[in-house]
Amino acid sequence: MVEKVYFIDEEAYQEIDKTLKENPYEEGSFARQGYVVRDAKSLLNKGKGYYLYIDAPEEFFEKNEEKILSIEGVEEVKDRNKVKEIIDRIRREEESAEEGVGAIFK
């Protein structure tokens, strides 16, 4: 599996959202693979825009990456430290949400 993070500026959000939700039941679609979009301000406490995180096999990126990179205002985050920080924060948010839901059923 390969983990990638993309930055989406505010103007590109509607188009990337449409692309990500396209053909949700199709084999190899973004919806079936799974992805996470987070607001940059809430995730890193700075900046405008969004981060898109995808954890998928290399073949998925070979087939689909150009669909998102062809949208103006979308670029892959190349700084490895920043990618690690974003992924760590997303995982912590998800774990915290799971713990909260678990507490409801205790």
Protein backbone atom coordinates (compact mmCIF):
# COMPACT_ATOMS: atom_id res chain seq x y z
CA MET A 1 0.00 0.00 0.00
CA VAL A 2 1.06 3.54 -0.77
CA GLU A 3 0.00 6.56 1.26
CA LYS A 4 -0.29 9.91 -0.52
CA VAL A 5 -1.46 13.35 0.52
CA TYR A 6 -2.64 16.09 -1.82
CA PHE A 7 -3.27 19.76 -1.15
CA ILE A 8 -6.48 21.19 -2.62
CA ASP A 9 -6.94 24.94 -2.73
CA GLU A 10 -10.36 26.32 -1.92
CA GLU A 11 -11.24 27.10 -5.55
CA ALA A 12 -10.62 23.47 -6.60
CA TYR A 13 -12.68 21.87 -3.82
CA GLN A 14 -15.99 21.52 -5.67
CA GLU A 15 -14.35 19.96 -8.71
CA ILE A 16 -12.24 17.52 -6.67
CA ASP A 17 -15.31 16.59 -4.60
CA LYS A 18 -17.20 15.79 -7.79
CA THR A 19 -14.28 13.71 -9.10
CA LEU A 20 -13.92 11.76 -5.85
CA LYS A 21 -17.63 10.91 -5.75
CA GLU A 22 -17.84 9.95 -9.44
CA ASN A 23 -19.06 6.38 -10.17
CA PRO A 24 -19.03 5.30 -6.50
CA TYR A 25 -19.90 1.66 -7.23
CA GLU A 26 -17.34 1.16 -9.98
CA GLU A 27 -14.42 -1.13 -9.22
CA GLY A 28 -11.33 1.00 -8.56
CA SER A 29 -13.27 4.22 -7.87
CA PHE A 30 -12.16 6.65 -5.18
CA ALA A 31 -15.32 5.91 -3.20
CA ARG A 32 -14.66 2.16 -3.15
CA GLN A 33 -10.99 2.65 -2.31
CA GLY A 34 -11.67 5.17 0.42
CA TYR A 35 -10.16 8.57 1.07
CA VAL A 36 -10.17 11.30 3.72
CA VAL A 37 -10.55 15.04 3.08
CA ARG A 38 -9.79 17.46 5.91
CA ASP A 39 -9.83 21.23 6.16
CA ALA A 40 -6.25 22.56 6.37
CA LYS A 41 -7.12 25.03 9.12
CA SER A 42 -8.68 22.42 11.42
CA LEU A 43 -5.98 19.83 10.67
CA LEU A 44 -2.84 21.96 10.99
CA ASN A 45 -4.26 25.13 12.57
CA LYS A 46 -3.10 27.17 9.58
CA GLY A 47 -3.72 27.76 5.93
CA LYS A 48 -6.68 27.75 3.60
CA GLY A 49 -7.68 24.76 1.56
CA TYR A 50 -7.96 21.04 2.15
CA TYR A 51 -5.86 17.90 2.38
CA LEU A 52 -6.79 14.68 0.64
CA TYR A 53 -5.33 11.44 2.05
CA ILE A 54 -5.45 8.17 0.15
CA ASP A 55 -3.98 4.82 1.24
CA ALA A 56 -4.12 2.46 -1.76
CA PRO A 57 -2.16 -0.01 -3.87
CA GLU A 58 0.26 1.48 -6.41
CA GLU A 59 -2.01 0.25 -9.23
CA PHE A 60 -4.81 2.47 -7.92
CA PHE A 61 -2.62 5.55 -8.23
CA GLU A 62 -1.40 4.49 -11.68
CA LYS A 63 -5.02 4.37 -12.84
CA ASN A 64 -6.52 7.32 -10.94
CA GLU A 65 -3.93 9.85 -9.85
CA GLU A 66 -4.04 11.86 -13.07
CA LYS A 67 -7.80 12.44 -12.54
CA ILE A 68 -7.07 14.54 -9.48
CA LEU A 69 -3.73 16.04 -10.47
CA SER A 70 -5.23 17.34 -13.71
CA ILE A 71 -7.49 19.65 -11.66
CA GLU A 72 -5.99 23.11 -11.32
CA GLY A 73 -5.31 23.83 -7.64
CA VAL A 74 -4.52 20.23 -6.66
CA GLU A 75 -0.97 19.10 -6.00
CA GLU A 76 0.72 16.23 -4.25
CA VAL A 77 2.41 17.12 -0.96
CA LYS A 78 6.05 16.09 -1.47
CA ASP A 79 7.55 17.15 1.89
CA ARG A 80 7.85 13.82 3.73
CA ASN A 81 7.72 15.41 7.19
CA LYS A 82 4.54 17.30 6.34
CA VAL A 83 2.97 14.15 4.83
CA LYS A 84 3.78 12.22 8.01
CA GLU A 85 2.35 14.97 10.21
CA ILE A 86 -0.90 15.13 8.19
CA ILE A 87 -1.34 11.34 8.18
CA ASP A 88 -0.63 11.13 11.93
CA ARG A 89 -3.21 13.83 12.69
CA ILE A 90 -5.85 12.19 10.49
CA ARG A 91 -5.27 8.84 12.21
CA ARG A 92 -5.50 10.43 15.66
CA GLU A 93 -8.79 12.11 14.71
CA GLU A 94 -10.20 8.79 13.47
CA GLU A 95 -9.04 6.91 16.58
CA SER A 96 -10.52 9.58 18.82
CA ALA A 97 -13.84 9.36 16.98
CA GLU A 98 -13.85 5.55 17.30
CA GLU A 99 -13.18 5.80 21.04
CA GLY A 100 -16.03 8.30 21.40
CA VAL A 101 -18.47 6.02 19.62
CA GLY A 102 -17.27 3.09 21.73
CA ALA A 103 -17.93 5.05 24.92
CA ILE A 104 -21.55 5.58 23.89
CA PHE A 105 -22.17 1.82 23.87
CA LYS A 106 -20.55 1.04 27.25
